C-alpha atoms as a PDB file:
ATOM      1  CA  MET A   1     250.846  83.136  64.715  1.00  0.00           C
ATOM      2  CA  LYS A   2     251.116  81.532  61.486  1.00  0.00           C
ATOM      3  CA  THR A   3     248.808  79.067  61.918  1.00  0.00           C
ATOM      4  CA  ARG A   4     247.079  81.293  63.395  1.00  0.00           C
ATOM      5  CA  ASN A   5     246.703  83.515  60.258  1.00  0.00           C
ATOM      6  CA  SER A   6     246.691  80.494  58.222  1.00  0.00           C
ATOM      7  CA  ASN A   7     243.270  79.472  59.577  1.00  0.00           C
ATOM      8  CA  PHE A   8     242.270  82.808  59.237  1.00  0.00           C
ATOM      9  CA  ILE A   9     243.310  82.912  56.010  1.00  0.00           C
ATOM     10  CA  LEU A  10     241.188  79.597  54.598  1.00  0.00           C
ATOM     11  CA  LYS A  11     237.979  81.073  56.560  1.00  0.00           C
ATOM     12  CA  PHE A  12     238.126  84.472  55.006  1.00  0.00           C
ATOM     13  CA  GLN A  13     238.585  82.457  51.885  1.00  0.00           C
ATOM     14  CA  PHE A  14     235.643  80.042  52.623  1.00  0.00           C
ATOM     15  CA  PHE A  15     233.273  83.208  53.043  1.00  0.00           C
ATOM     16  CA  VAL A  16     234.503  84.447  50.004  1.00  0.00           C
ATOM     17  CA  LEU A  17     233.911  81.289  48.059  1.00  0.00           C
ATOM     18  CA  VAL A  18     230.255  80.753  49.955  1.00  0.00           C
ATOM     19  CA  ALA A  19     229.313  84.547  49.020  1.00  0.00           C
ATOM     20  CA  LEU A  20     230.775  84.148  45.584  1.00  0.00           C
ATOM     21  CA  PHE A  21     228.625  81.130  44.751  1.00  0.00           C
ATOM     22  CA  SER A  22     225.411  82.345  46.724  1.00  0.00           C
ATOM     23  CA  VAL A  23     225.896  85.842  43.677  1.00  0.00           C
ATOM     24  CA  ALA A  24     226.572  83.175  41.230  1.00  0.00           C
ATOM     25  CA  ALA A  25     223.331  81.597  42.499  1.00  0.00           C
ATOM     26  CA  ALA A  26     221.461  84.260  43.095  1.00  0.00           C
ATOM     27  CA  ASN A  27     222.592  85.872  39.559  1.00  0.00           C
ATOM     28  CA  SER A  28     221.353  82.267  38.021  1.00  0.00           C
ATOM     29  CA  TYR A  29     218.283  82.324  39.546  1.00  0.00           C
ATOM     30  CA  ASP A  30     215.873  82.520  36.517  1.00  0.00           C
ATOM     31  CA  ALA A  31     211.741  83.417  37.611  1.00  0.00           C
ATOM     32  CA  PRO A  32     209.349  80.509  36.535  1.00  0.00           C
ATOM     33  CA  LYS A  33     207.815  81.898  33.188  1.00  0.00           C
ATOM     34  CA  TYR A  34     204.078  81.355  33.062  1.00  0.00           C
ATOM     35  CA  GLU A  35     203.077  81.111  29.345  1.00  0.00           C
ATOM     36  CA  ALA A  36     199.123  82.690  29.030  1.00  0.00           C
ATOM     37  CA  PRO A  37     197.196  79.486  27.724  1.00  0.00           C
ATOM     38  CA  LYS A  38     196.263  79.770  24.067  1.00  0.00           C
ATOM     39  CA  TYR A  39     192.126  79.996  24.340  1.00  0.00           C
ATOM     40  CA  GLU A  40     191.213  78.949  20.667  1.00  0.00           C
ATOM     41  CA  ALA A  41     187.119  79.781  19.854  1.00  0.00           C
ATOM     42  CA  PRO A  42     185.362  77.578  18.962  1.00  0.00           C
ATOM     43  CA  LYS A  43     184.181  77.472  15.318  1.00  0.00           C
ATOM     44  CA  TYR A  44     180.306  77.248  14.891  1.00  0.00           C
ATOM     45  CA  GLU A  45     178.828  76.112  12.106  1.00  0.00           C
ATOM     46  CA  VAL A  46     176.052  77.253  11.069  1.00  0.00           C
ATOM     47  CA  PRO A  47     173.264  75.046  10.253  1.00  0.00           C
ATOM     48  CA  LYS A  48     172.117  74.924   6.693  1.00  0.00           C
ATOM     49  CA  TYR A  49     168.510  76.185   7.051  1.00  0.00           C
ATOM     50  CA  GLU A  50     166.185  74.938   4.057  1.00  0.00           C
ATOM     51  CA  ALA A  51     163.107  76.891   3.685  1.00  0.00           C
ATOM     52  CA  PRO A  52     160.553  74.726   3.080  1.00  0.00           C
ATOM     53  CA  LYS A  53     158.744  74.429  -0.049  1.00  0.00           C
ATOM     54  CA  TYR A  54     155.065  74.918  -0.054  1.00  0.00           C
ATOM     55  CA  GLU A  55     152.831  73.935  -3.098  1.00  0.00           C
ATOM     56  CA  ALA A  56     150.139  76.073  -3.561  1.00  0.00           C
ATOM     57  CA  SER A  57     146.838  73.393  -3.580  1.00  0.00           C
ATOM     58  CA  LYS A  58     144.614  73.578  -6.336  1.00  0.00           C
ATOM     59  CA  TYR A  59     141.407  74.995  -5.380  1.00  0.00           C
ATOM     60  CA  GLU A  60     138.250  74.435  -8.130  1.00  0.00           C
ATOM     61  CA  ALA A  61     135.310  75.571  -7.532  1.00  0.00           C
ATOM     62  CA  PRO A  62     132.391  73.537  -6.765  1.00  0.00           C
ATOM     63  CA  LYS A  63     130.227  73.716  -9.565  1.00  0.00           C
ATOM     64  CA  TYR A  64     126.751  73.732  -8.801  1.00  0.00           C
ATOM     65  CA  ASP A  65     124.085  72.670 -10.927  1.00  0.00           C
ATOM     66  CA  ALA A  66     121.402  75.353 -11.560  1.00  0.00           C
ATOM     67  CA  PRO A  67     118.719  73.021 -10.283  1.00  0.00           C
ATOM     68  CA  LYS A  68     115.704  72.133 -12.739  1.00  0.00           C
ATOM     69  CA  TYR A  69     112.206  74.302 -12.174  1.00  0.00           C
ATOM     70  CA  GLU A  70     109.284  72.174 -13.372  1.00  0.00           C
ATOM     71  CA  ALA A  71     106.001  74.079 -12.831  1.00  0.00           C
ATOM     72  CA  PRO A  72     103.284  71.813 -12.044  1.00  0.00           C
ATOM     73  CA  LYS A  73     100.779  70.807 -14.182  1.00  0.00           C
ATOM     74  CA  TYR A  74      97.374  70.691 -12.743  1.00  0.00           C
ATOM     75  CA  GLU A  75      95.007  69.251 -14.279  1.00  0.00           C
ATOM     76  CA  GLU A  76      91.532  71.062 -13.920  1.00  0.00           C
ATOM     77  CA  ALA A  77      88.667  68.822 -14.097  1.00  0.00           C
ATOM     78  CA  ALA A  78      85.887  69.669 -15.563  1.00  0.00           C
ATOM     79  CA  GLN A  79      83.908  72.281 -14.212  1.00  0.00           C
ATOM     80  CA  PRO A  80      80.490  72.872 -15.857  1.00  0.00           C
ATOM     81  CA  TYR A  81      78.270  75.470 -14.051  1.00  0.00           C
ATOM     82  CA  SER A  82      75.075  77.983 -14.703  1.00  0.00           C
ATOM     83  CA  PHE A  83      74.025  81.136 -13.663  1.00  0.00           C
ATOM     84  CA  GLY A  84      70.867  83.853 -14.254  1.00  0.00           C
ATOM     85  CA  TYR A  85      70.248  87.114 -12.877  1.00  0.00           C
ATOM     86  CA  ASP A  86      67.540  90.309 -13.376  1.00  0.00           C
ATOM     87  CA  VAL A  87      68.089  93.271 -12.725  1.00  0.00           C
ATOM     88  CA  GLN A  88      64.800  96.503 -12.692  1.00  0.00           C
ATOM     89  CA  ASP A  89      65.202  99.811 -11.308  1.00  0.00           C
ATOM     90  CA  LYS A  90      62.573 101.883 -12.848  1.00  0.00           C
ATOM     91  CA  GLU A  91      64.530 104.708 -10.517  1.00  0.00           C
ATOM     92  CA  SER A  92      68.078 104.049 -11.777  1.00  0.00           C
ATOM     93  CA  TYR A  93      66.373 103.102 -15.210  1.00  0.00           C
ATOM     94  CA  ASN A  94      68.328  99.880 -15.297  1.00  0.00           C
ATOM     95  CA  ASP A  95      66.720  96.411 -16.721  1.00  0.00           C
ATOM     96  CA  PHE A  96      68.698  94.176 -18.545  1.00  0.00           C
ATOM     97  CA  GLU A  97      69.228  90.385 -17.459  1.00  0.00           C
ATOM     98  CA  HIS A  98      72.093  87.885 -18.205  1.00  0.00           C
ATOM     99  CA  ASN A  99      71.928  84.112 -18.502  1.00  0.00           C
ATOM    100  CA  GLU A 100      75.070  81.886 -18.970  1.00  0.00           C
ATOM    101  CA  LYS A 101      75.495  78.243 -18.827  1.00  0.00           C
ATOM    102  CA  SER A 102      78.867  76.019 -19.345  1.00  0.00           C
ATOM    103  CA  ASP A 103      79.788  71.769 -19.753  1.00  0.00           C
ATOM    104  CA  TYR A 104      83.504  72.928 -19.509  1.00  0.00           C
ATOM    105  CA  ASN A 105      84.164  72.908 -23.197  1.00  0.00           C
ATOM    106  CA  VAL A 106      81.580  75.375 -24.687  1.00  0.00           C
ATOM    107  CA  VAL A 107      80.008  78.120 -23.422  1.00  0.00           C
ATOM    108  CA  THR A 108      76.423  80.162 -24.236  1.00  0.00           C
ATOM    109  CA  GLY A 109      74.776  82.501 -22.875  1.00  0.00           C
ATOM    110  CA  SER A 110      72.812  85.507 -23.569  1.00  0.00           C
ATOM    111  CA  TYR A 111      72.124  89.256 -22.197  1.00  0.00           C
ATOM    112  CA  ARG A 112      69.656  91.538 -22.610  1.00  0.00           C
ATOM    113  CA  VAL A 113      69.366  95.597 -22.065  1.00  0.00           C
ATOM    114  CA  VAL A 114      66.994  98.448 -22.155  1.00  0.00           C
ATOM    115  CA  LEU A 115      68.126 101.244 -23.971  1.00  0.00           C
ATOM    116  CA  PRO A 116      68.068 104.607 -23.213  1.00  0.00           C
ATOM    117  CA  ASP A 117      66.173 105.218 -26.579  1.00  0.00           C
ATOM    118  CA  SER A 118      63.259 102.034 -25.405  1.00  0.00           C
ATOM    119  CA  ARG A 119      64.586  99.666 -27.453  1.00  0.00           C
ATOM    120  CA  ILE A 120      65.730  95.972 -26.175  1.00  0.00           C
ATOM    121  CA  GLN A 121      69.386  94.785 -26.988  1.00  0.00           C
ATOM    122  CA  ILE A 122      69.499  90.662 -26.909  1.00  0.00           C
ATOM    123  CA  VAL A 123      73.400  89.454 -27.344  1.00  0.00           C
ATOM    124  CA  THR A 124      73.544  85.560 -27.745  1.00  0.00           C
ATOM    125  CA  TYR A 125      76.343  84.881 -27.536  1.00  0.00           C
ATOM    126  CA  LYS A 126      78.757  81.093 -27.664  1.00  0.00           C
ATOM    127  CA  ALA A 127      82.844  80.039 -27.030  1.00  0.00           C
ATOM    128  CA  ASP A 128      84.521  77.507 -27.738  1.00  0.00           C
ATOM    129  CA  VAL A 129      87.563  76.134 -28.954  1.00  0.00           C
ATOM    130  CA  ASN A 130      86.846  77.903 -32.233  1.00  0.00           C
ATOM    131  CA  GLY A 131      86.670  81.195 -30.372  1.00  0.00           C
ATOM    132  CA  TYR A 132      83.567  83.987 -29.302  1.00  0.00           C
ATOM    133  CA  THR A 133      80.860  84.098 -31.448  1.00  0.00           C
ATOM    134  CA  ALA A 134      77.967  87.038 -31.140  1.00  0.00           C
ATOM    135  CA  ASP A 135      74.624  87.693 -32.319  1.00  0.00           C
ATOM    136  CA  VAL A 136      73.427  90.881 -31.694  1.00  0.00           C
ATOM    137  CA  LYS A 137      69.078  91.710 -31.634  1.00  0.00           C
ATOM    138  CA  TYR A 138      66.854  94.517 -31.310  1.00  0.00           C
ATOM    139  CA  GLU A 139      63.845  94.295 -30.276  1.00  0.00           C
ATOM    140  CA  GLY A 140      60.729  98.173 -30.576  1.00  0.00           C
ATOM    141  CA  GLU A 141      61.557 101.402 -31.732  1.00  0.00           C
ATOM    142  CA  ALA A 142      63.720 103.726 -30.760  1.00  0.00           C
ATOM    143  CA  LYS A 143      62.032 106.619 -28.973  1.00  0.00           C
ATOM    144  CA  TYR A 144      63.192 110.313 -27.643  1.00  0.00           C
ATOM    145  CA  PRO A 145      60.483 112.135 -25.769  1.00  0.00           C
ATOM    146  CA  GLU A 146      60.274 115.636 -25.899  1.00  0.00           C
ATOM    147  CA  TYR A 147      62.387 117.632 -23.063  1.00  0.00           C
ATOM    148  CA  VAL A 148      59.891 119.096 -20.578  1.00  0.00           C
ATOM    149  CA  GLU A 149      60.947 121.129 -17.937  1.00  0.00           C
ATOM    150  CA  PRO A 150      60.424 120.350 -14.736  1.00  0.00           C
ATOM    151  CA  GLN A 151      57.779 122.309 -12.320  1.00  0.00           C
ATOM    152  CA  SER A 152      58.965 122.362  -8.994  1.00  0.00           C
ATOM    153  CA  LYS A 153      57.075 123.659  -5.957  1.00  0.00           C
ATOM    154  CA  ALA A 154      58.225 126.190  -3.568  1.00  0.00           C
ATOM    155  CA  SER A 155      59.668 125.024  -0.478  1.00  0.00           C
ATOM    156  CA  ALA A 156      57.739 126.104   2.387  1.00  0.00           C
ATOM    157  CA  SER A 157      58.640 128.821   4.889  1.00  0.00           C
ATOM    158  CA  TYR A 158      62.044 127.932   6.817  1.00  0.00           C
ATOM    159  CA  ALA A 159      61.564 128.818  10.054  1.00  0.00           C
ATOM    160  CA  ALA A 160      64.634 129.108  11.865  1.00  0.00           C
ATOM    161  CA  PRO A 161      65.332 127.469  14.731  1.00  0.00           C
ATOM    162  CA  ALA A 162      65.115 129.238  18.420  1.00  0.00           C
ATOM    163  CA  TYR A 163      67.878 128.781  20.616  1.00  0.00           C
ATOM    164  CA  GLN A 164      67.456 130.076  24.016  1.00  0.00           C
ATOM    165  CA  ALA A 165      71.256 130.675  26.080  1.00  0.00           C
ATOM    166  CA  PRO A 166      71.332 128.105  28.672  1.00  0.00           C
ATOM    167  CA  GLU A 167      71.181 130.007  32.259  1.00  0.00           C
ATOM    168  CA  TYR A 168      74.761 130.395  34.146  1.00  0.00           C
ATOM    169  CA  GLN A 169      74.676 129.752  37.874  1.00  0.00           C
ATOM    170  CA  LYS A 170      78.025 131.278  39.798  1.00  0.00           C
ATOM    171  CA  GLN A 171      78.851 128.444  41.850  1.00  0.00           C
ATOM    172  CA  ALA A 172      79.661 129.590  45.933  1.00  0.00           C
ATOM    173  CA  TYR A 173      83.552 129.375  46.563  1.00  0.00           C
ATOM    174  CA  VAL A 174      84.206 128.211  50.256  1.00  0.00           C
ATOM    175  CA  ALA A 175      87.733 129.009  51.374  1.00  0.00           C
ATOM    176  CA  SER A 176      89.135 126.123  53.032  1.00  0.00           C
ATOM    177  CA  ALA A 177      90.876 126.607  56.418  1.00  0.00           C
ATOM    178  CA  TYR A 178      94.284 126.906  56.146  1.00  0.00           C
ATOM    179  CA  THR A 179      96.648 125.397  58.949  1.00  0.00           C
ATOM    180  CA  THR A 180     100.117 126.508  58.900  1.00  0.00           C
ATOM    181  CA  PRO A 181     102.046 123.809  60.291  1.00  0.00           C
ATOM    182  CA  ALA A 182     104.725 123.234  63.379  1.00  0.00           C
ATOM    183  CA  TYR A 183     108.115 122.790  62.218  1.00  0.00           C
ATOM    184  CA  THR A 184     110.433 121.982  65.741  1.00  0.00           C
ATOM    185  CA  THR A 185     114.284 122.798  64.655  1.00  0.00           C
ATOM    186  CA  PRO A 186     116.628 119.915  65.723  1.00  0.00           C
ATOM    187  CA  ALA A 187     118.580 119.977  68.082  1.00  0.00           C
ATOM    188  CA  TYR A 188     122.095 119.740  66.207  1.00  0.00           C
ATOM    189  CA  THR A 189     124.813 117.753  68.474  1.00  0.00           C
ATOM    190  CA  ALA A 190     128.385 118.272  67.923  1.00  0.00           C
ATOM    191  CA  PRO A 191     130.366 115.458  66.882  1.00  0.00           C
ATOM    192  CA  SER A 192     133.268 114.575  69.203  1.00  0.00           C
ATOM    193  CA  TYR A 193     136.470 113.675  67.287  1.00  0.00           C
ATOM    194  CA  THR A 194     139.063 112.158  68.937  1.00  0.00           C
ATOM    195  CA  THR A 195     142.791 112.624  68.286  1.00  0.00           C
ATOM    196  CA  PRO A 196     144.512 109.498  67.724  1.00  0.00           C
ATOM    197  CA  ALA A 197     147.736 108.878  69.498  1.00  0.00           C
ATOM    198  CA  TYR A 198     150.957 108.458  67.242  1.00  0.00           C
ATOM    199  CA  THR A 199     153.880 106.933  68.115  1.00  0.00           C
ATOM    200  CA  THR A 200     157.111 108.008  66.921  1.00  0.00           C
ATOM    201  CA  PRO A 201     158.863 104.314  65.244  1.00  0.00           C
ATOM    202  CA  ALA A 202     161.808 103.797  66.659  1.00  0.00           C
ATOM    203  CA  TYR A 203     165.228 102.857  64.526  1.00  0.00           C
ATOM    204  CA  THR A 204     167.566 100.729  65.522  1.00  0.00           C
ATOM    205  CA  THR A 205     171.177 101.082  64.227  1.00  0.00           C
ATOM    206  CA  SER A 206     172.402  97.995  63.096  1.00  0.00           C
ATOM    207  CA  ALA A 207     175.705  97.423  64.096  1.00  0.00           C
ATOM    208  CA  TYR A 208     179.017  97.448  61.617  1.00  0.00           C
ATOM    209  CA  SER A 209     182.027  95.637  62.149  1.00  0.00           C
ATOM    210  CA  THR A 210     185.099  96.671  60.256  1.00  0.00           C
ATOM    211  CA  LYS A 211     186.810  93.778  58.206  1.00  0.00           C
ATOM    212  CA  VAL A 212     190.133  92.941  59.318  1.00  0.00           C
ATOM    213  CA  TYR A 213     192.519  92.633  56.109  1.00  0.00           C
ATOM    214  CA  LYS A 214     195.613  90.628  56.704  1.00  0.00           C
ATOM    215  CA  THR A 215     198.179  91.358  54.427  1.00  0.00           C
ATOM    216  CA  PRO A 216     199.537  87.844  52.894  1.00  0.00           C
ATOM    217  CA  ALA A 217     203.161  87.381  54.187  1.00  0.00           C
ATOM    218  CA  TYR A 218     205.309  87.019  51.207  1.00  0.00           C
ATOM    219  CA  LYS A 219     208.160  84.411  51.643  1.00  0.00           C
ATOM    220  CA  THR A 220     211.240  84.754  49.072  1.00  0.00           C
ATOM    221  CA  PRO A 221     211.797  81.804  47.933  1.00  0.00           C
ATOM    222  CA  SER A 222     215.074  80.181  48.860  1.00  0.00           C
ATOM    223  CA  ALA A 223     217.883  79.879  46.104  1.00  0.00           C
ATOM    224  CA  SER A 224     219.901  76.878  45.980  1.00  0.00           C
ATOM    225  CA  PRO A 225     223.401  77.050  45.193  1.00  0.00           C
ATOM    226  CA  LYS A 226     224.644  75.807  42.200  1.00  0.00           C
ATOM    227  CA  TYR A 227     227.848  73.862  41.951  1.00  0.00           C
END
């Protein structure tokens, strides 16, 4: 009896010790500590930008020399000439004459004209580098005729022209025959309309499968006793 009791006591003590060691090991177990990683923001250095320096270009307006215009010099060659004319018109009482000649250096000439008082005026002139000179002469004596009232003859009797009205002939009007156009009513054909066949679209419902979510098995870490 004593032997059994002692064995029982020893076993009981052993279990008590095991239980104590288990409790002590459970209390002494420290869960792993995870330190959050320290993230250091990268440092970006702002690049130093220097604005380019633009130097204003020096613009010099082009200089344009005004063209010098020289009037062309025309050398006139010597052009001697001579002319003369004489006009006598008793109805208009015109009676004059003119003559002139030139050797390009000296111009000489004369003109003659009958004045209203029946005198004749003669002018002789000369033009050169010294200027224009003229010599005026008159021939005849001035005469002033007495005024005589003109006598007009009575005009012949004026006969009015005889005017005869033209005879008007009335044109005969013939009415043209009018034919009524024949009008045919076109035959009306009703258009045929075919109703299009309507096909109801078939909608196929896709098969939906519910996803199966499995809860992960959590394993309790086994505590190792400390001795």
